[in-house]
Amino acid sequence: MSAALTAAIKPAATFSFSVSADGIDDEYVAAAKNGVLTTLLAQSYVSVLACNVELSGFRDGGQDASYAAFFMVAKEATERLQGVFPGFKHNIDWGGGQL
């Protein structure tokens, strides 16, 4: 499996999600969105949805591209940005740990 994308996340008053994926199959865009949303919702606290998410720079691996590849790369990018990926720290202040 092979896929790549660029992800950014920042605090916002409301949830927003933007995608720039010219020339990428709609199935792969859906997979990336699903990967991001699944990861955000898995955190089990509402403040994580007070953010702006941007996906861009989609690159597929040709014959190695798949729904699963884009889902996983988006999931991993979101985990890294949130600081829930092993060995990474938060790059965003989700309220100082207070829920």
N, C-alpha and C. Protein backbone atom coordinates (compact mmCIF):
# COMPACT_ATOMS: atom_id res chain seq x y z
N MET A 1 0.85 -1.17 0.00
CA MET A 1 0.00 0.00 0.00
C MET A 1 0.89 1.23 0.00
N SER A 2 0.46 2.26 -0.73
CA SER A 2 1.23 3.48 -0.79
C SER A 2 0.32 4.69 -0.99
N ALA A 3 0.48 5.69 -0.14
CA ALA A 3 -0.28 6.93 -0.23
C ALA A 3 0.43 7.98 0.62
N ALA A 4 0.18 9.25 0.31
CA ALA A 4 0.75 10.34 1.09
C ALA A 4 -0.18 11.53 1.01
N LEU A 5 -0.14 12.36 2.04
CA LEU A 5 -0.89 13.60 2.05
C LEU A 5 -0.30 14.52 3.09
N THR A 6 -0.73 15.77 3.07
CA THR A 6 -0.31 16.75 4.06
C THR A 6 -1.53 17.10 4.89
N ALA A 7 -1.36 17.17 6.20
CA ALA A 7 -2.47 17.47 7.10
C ALA A 7 -2.08 18.60 8.04
N ALA A 8 -3.05 19.44 8.36
CA ALA A 8 -2.85 20.51 9.33
C ALA A 8 -4.08 20.56 10.22
N ILE A 9 -3.87 20.89 11.49
CA ILE A 9 -4.98 21.00 12.43
C ILE A 9 -4.69 22.18 13.35
N LYS A 10 -5.74 22.96 13.66
CA LYS A 10 -5.57 24.09 14.57
C LYS A 10 -6.88 24.33 15.30
N PRO A 11 -6.83 24.95 16.48
CA PRO A 11 -8.05 25.23 17.23
C PRO A 11 -8.97 26.15 16.44
N ALA A 12 -10.27 26.01 16.63
CA ALA A 12 -11.27 26.86 15.97
C ALA A 12 -12.52 26.88 16.84
N ALA A 13 -13.37 27.87 16.60
CA ALA A 13 -14.61 27.99 17.36
C ALA A 13 -15.56 26.83 17.05
N THR A 14 -15.55 26.38 15.81
CA THR A 14 -16.40 25.28 15.38
C THR A 14 -15.57 24.33 14.52
N PHE A 15 -16.09 23.16 14.30
CA PHE A 15 -15.39 22.18 13.48
C PHE A 15 -15.50 22.55 12.01
N SER A 16 -14.38 22.50 11.31
CA SER A 16 -14.39 22.66 9.85
C SER A 16 -13.36 21.73 9.26
N PHE A 17 -13.62 21.32 8.04
CA PHE A 17 -12.79 20.32 7.38
C PHE A 17 -12.67 20.73 5.92
N SER A 18 -11.46 20.99 5.45
CA SER A 18 -11.28 21.35 4.05
C SER A 18 -10.30 20.38 3.40
N VAL A 19 -10.57 20.09 2.14
CA VAL A 19 -9.75 19.13 1.40
C VAL A 19 -9.41 19.72 0.04
N SER A 20 -8.15 19.66 -0.31
CA SER A 20 -7.69 20.04 -1.64
C SER A 20 -7.02 18.81 -2.24
N ALA A 21 -7.73 18.17 -3.18
CA ALA A 21 -7.24 16.89 -3.71
C ALA A 21 -7.50 16.78 -5.21
N ASP A 22 -6.98 17.71 -5.97
CA ASP A 22 -7.16 17.69 -7.42
C ASP A 22 -6.55 16.44 -8.04
N GLY A 23 -7.33 15.78 -8.88
CA GLY A 23 -6.83 14.61 -9.61
C GLY A 23 -6.76 13.33 -8.81
N ILE A 24 -7.29 13.32 -7.59
CA ILE A 24 -7.27 12.12 -6.75
C ILE A 24 -8.66 11.48 -6.77
N ASP A 25 -8.71 10.19 -6.88
CA ASP A 25 -9.96 9.44 -6.91
C ASP A 25 -10.81 9.78 -5.69
N ASP A 26 -12.12 9.97 -5.89
CA ASP A 26 -13.04 10.30 -4.80
C ASP A 26 -13.00 9.28 -3.67
N GLU A 27 -12.78 8.02 -4.00
CA GLU A 27 -12.70 6.97 -2.99
C GLU A 27 -11.53 7.22 -2.04
N TYR A 28 -10.41 7.69 -2.58
CA TYR A 28 -9.24 7.96 -1.75
C TYR A 28 -9.46 9.18 -0.87
N VAL A 29 -10.15 10.19 -1.38
CA VAL A 29 -10.48 11.37 -0.58
C VAL A 29 -11.40 10.95 0.57
N ALA A 30 -12.40 10.13 0.27
CA ALA A 30 -13.31 9.63 1.32
C ALA A 30 -12.54 8.84 2.37
N ALA A 31 -11.58 8.04 1.94
CA ALA A 31 -10.78 7.26 2.88
C ALA A 31 -10.00 8.16 3.82
N ALA A 32 -9.40 9.22 3.28
CA ALA A 32 -8.62 10.15 4.10
C ALA A 32 -9.53 10.87 5.10
N LYS A 33 -10.69 11.33 4.63
CA LYS A 33 -11.64 11.97 5.54
C LYS A 33 -12.05 11.02 6.66
N ASN A 34 -12.34 9.79 6.30
CA ASN A 34 -12.73 8.78 7.28
C ASN A 34 -11.61 8.55 8.29
N GLY A 35 -10.38 8.50 7.84
CA GLY A 35 -9.25 8.32 8.75
C GLY A 35 -9.13 9.44 9.75
N VAL A 36 -9.32 10.68 9.29
CA VAL A 36 -9.25 11.84 10.19
C VAL A 36 -10.40 11.81 11.19
N LEU A 37 -11.62 11.66 10.70
CA LEU A 37 -12.79 11.69 11.59
C LEU A 37 -12.78 10.54 12.58
N THR A 38 -12.39 9.36 12.14
CA THR A 38 -12.31 8.21 13.04
C THR A 38 -11.32 8.49 14.17
N THR A 39 -10.20 9.08 13.85
CA THR A 39 -9.18 9.37 14.86
C THR A 39 -9.65 10.45 15.82
N LEU A 40 -10.26 11.52 15.29
CA LEU A 40 -10.76 12.58 16.16
C LEU A 40 -11.83 12.06 17.12
N LEU A 41 -12.78 11.33 16.59
CA LEU A 41 -13.88 10.84 17.42
C LEU A 41 -13.44 9.77 18.41
N ALA A 42 -12.37 9.07 18.12
CA ALA A 42 -11.86 8.04 19.02
C ALA A 42 -11.26 8.64 20.30
N GLN A 43 -11.01 9.95 20.30
CA GLN A 43 -10.41 10.59 21.48
C GLN A 43 -11.41 10.76 22.61
N SER A 44 -12.69 10.63 22.32
CA SER A 44 -13.76 10.59 23.33
C SER A 44 -13.92 11.85 24.15
N TYR A 45 -13.54 12.99 23.63
CA TYR A 45 -13.88 14.23 24.31
C TYR A 45 -14.19 15.30 23.29
N VAL A 46 -15.21 16.10 23.59
CA VAL A 46 -15.80 17.02 22.63
C VAL A 46 -14.83 18.10 22.17
N SER A 47 -13.95 18.58 23.03
CA SER A 47 -13.08 19.70 22.66
C SER A 47 -12.23 19.39 21.44
N VAL A 48 -12.00 18.12 21.15
CA VAL A 48 -11.19 17.76 20.00
C VAL A 48 -11.89 18.12 18.69
N LEU A 49 -13.21 18.32 18.74
CA LEU A 49 -13.94 18.71 17.53
C LEU A 49 -13.99 20.22 17.34
N ALA A 50 -13.41 20.99 18.23
CA ALA A 50 -13.32 22.43 18.07
C ALA A 50 -12.01 22.74 17.34
N CYS A 51 -11.98 22.35 16.07
CA CYS A 51 -10.75 22.51 15.31
C CYS A 51 -11.03 22.67 13.82
N ASN A 52 -10.02 23.12 13.12
CA ASN A 52 -10.04 23.24 11.67
C ASN A 52 -9.03 22.25 11.15
N VAL A 53 -9.48 21.36 10.28
CA VAL A 53 -8.61 20.35 9.69
C VAL A 53 -8.47 20.64 8.20
N GLU A 54 -7.24 20.60 7.70
CA GLU A 54 -6.99 20.79 6.28
C GLU A 54 -6.18 19.61 5.75
N LEU A 55 -6.64 19.03 4.66
CA LEU A 55 -5.90 17.97 3.98
C LEU A 55 -5.53 18.47 2.59
N SER A 56 -4.30 18.23 2.18
CA SER A 56 -3.84 18.64 0.86
C SER A 56 -2.67 17.75 0.46
N GLY A 57 -2.07 18.04 -0.66
CA GLY A 57 -0.87 17.32 -1.08
C GLY A 57 -1.06 15.83 -1.27
N PHE A 58 -2.24 15.43 -1.71
CA PHE A 58 -2.50 14.00 -1.92
C PHE A 58 -1.58 13.45 -3.00
N ARG A 59 -0.98 12.30 -2.70
CA ARG A 59 -0.14 11.60 -3.68
C ARG A 59 -0.44 10.11 -3.56
N ASP A 60 -0.77 9.51 -4.68
CA ASP A 60 -1.03 8.07 -4.60
C ASP A 60 0.20 7.31 -5.10
N GLY A 61 0.27 6.07 -4.73
CA GLY A 61 1.41 5.23 -5.07
C GLY A 61 1.16 4.40 -6.32
N GLY A 62 0.35 4.93 -7.24
CA GLY A 62 0.08 4.18 -8.46
C GLY A 62 -0.71 2.92 -8.16
N GLN A 63 -0.21 1.80 -8.61
CA GLN A 63 -0.90 0.54 -8.39
C GLN A 63 -0.95 0.14 -6.92
N ASP A 64 -0.09 0.73 -6.11
CA ASP A 64 -0.07 0.41 -4.68
C ASP A 64 -1.05 1.26 -3.87
N ALA A 65 -1.72 2.23 -4.51
CA ALA A 65 -2.68 3.08 -3.80
C ALA A 65 -3.95 2.28 -3.52
N SER A 66 -4.59 2.58 -2.38
CA SER A 66 -5.83 1.89 -2.02
C SER A 66 -6.57 2.73 -0.99
N TYR A 67 -7.83 2.37 -0.76
CA TYR A 67 -8.63 3.00 0.28
C TYR A 67 -7.90 2.88 1.62
N ALA A 68 -7.43 1.68 1.91
CA ALA A 68 -6.77 1.43 3.20
C ALA A 68 -5.51 2.27 3.36
N ALA A 69 -4.77 2.47 2.28
CA ALA A 69 -3.53 3.27 2.36
C ALA A 69 -3.85 4.71 2.72
N PHE A 70 -4.87 5.29 2.09
CA PHE A 70 -5.22 6.68 2.40
C PHE A 70 -5.86 6.80 3.77
N PHE A 71 -6.65 5.83 4.18
CA PHE A 71 -7.22 5.84 5.53
C PHE A 71 -6.09 5.85 6.56
N MET A 72 -5.13 4.96 6.41
CA MET A 72 -4.05 4.83 7.39
C MET A 72 -3.14 6.05 7.43
N VAL A 73 -2.81 6.61 6.26
CA VAL A 73 -1.92 7.76 6.26
C VAL A 73 -2.61 8.98 6.89
N ALA A 74 -3.91 9.14 6.67
CA ALA A 74 -4.64 10.24 7.29
C ALA A 74 -4.79 10.01 8.79
N LYS A 75 -5.06 8.78 9.19
CA LYS A 75 -5.17 8.43 10.61
C LYS A 75 -3.85 8.72 11.33
N GLU A 76 -2.75 8.27 10.75
CA GLU A 76 -1.45 8.49 11.38
C GLU A 76 -1.12 9.98 11.44
N ALA A 77 -1.41 10.73 10.40
CA ALA A 77 -1.14 12.17 10.40
C ALA A 77 -1.93 12.86 11.51
N THR A 78 -3.18 12.49 11.67
CA THR A 78 -4.03 13.09 12.70
C THR A 78 -3.52 12.73 14.09
N GLU A 79 -3.13 11.49 14.29
CA GLU A 79 -2.58 11.07 15.58
C GLU A 79 -1.31 11.86 15.90
N ARG A 80 -0.47 12.04 14.93
CA ARG A 80 0.77 12.80 15.16
C ARG A 80 0.45 14.25 15.51
N LEU A 81 -0.48 14.86 14.78
CA LEU A 81 -0.84 16.25 15.05
C LEU A 81 -1.48 16.42 16.42
N GLN A 82 -2.24 15.42 16.86
CA GLN A 82 -2.88 15.47 18.18
C GLN A 82 -1.92 15.10 19.30
N GLY A 83 -0.84 14.47 18.98
CA GLY A 83 0.08 14.05 20.01
C GLY A 83 -0.28 12.73 20.64
N VAL A 84 -1.14 11.95 20.01
CA VAL A 84 -1.52 10.66 20.58
C VAL A 84 -0.72 9.52 19.96
N PHE A 85 0.11 9.84 19.00
CA PHE A 85 0.98 8.85 18.37
C PHE A 85 2.15 8.60 19.30
N PRO A 86 2.53 7.36 19.56
CA PRO A 86 3.62 7.09 20.50
C PRO A 86 4.89 7.89 20.17
N GLY A 87 5.43 8.55 21.19
CA GLY A 87 6.67 9.30 21.02
C GLY A 87 6.49 10.73 20.53
N PHE A 88 5.26 11.19 20.34
CA PHE A 88 5.02 12.54 19.86
C PHE A 88 4.29 13.34 20.93
N LYS A 89 4.48 14.66 20.90
CA LYS A 89 3.81 15.55 21.84
C LYS A 89 2.76 16.36 21.08
N HIS A 90 1.77 16.84 21.83
CA HIS A 90 0.72 17.66 21.23
C HIS A 90 1.31 18.88 20.54
N ASN A 91 0.79 19.22 19.35
CA ASN A 91 1.16 20.47 18.72
C ASN A 91 0.02 21.47 18.83
N ILE A 92 -1.00 21.12 19.60
CA ILE A 92 -2.18 21.96 19.73
C ILE A 92 -2.62 21.93 21.19
N ASP A 93 -3.06 23.07 21.71
CA ASP A 93 -3.51 23.14 23.10
C ASP A 93 -4.99 22.80 23.15
N TRP A 94 -5.30 21.62 23.64
CA TRP A 94 -6.69 21.18 23.72
C TRP A 94 -7.32 21.60 25.04
N GLY A 95 -6.83 22.65 25.64
CA GLY A 95 -7.44 23.14 26.88
C GLY A 95 -6.62 22.80 28.10
N GLY A 96 -5.34 22.55 27.96
CA GLY A 96 -4.48 22.28 29.09
C GLY A 96 -4.82 21.02 29.84
N GLY A 97 -5.48 20.08 29.18
CA GLY A 97 -5.82 18.83 29.81
C GLY A 97 -7.09 18.88 30.64
N GLN A 98 -7.72 20.05 30.70
CA GLN A 98 -8.96 20.19 31.47
C GLN A 98 -10.15 19.92 30.55
N LEU A 99 -11.00 19.03 30.96
CA LEU A 99 -12.20 18.71 30.17
C LEU A 99 -13.41 19.36 30.78
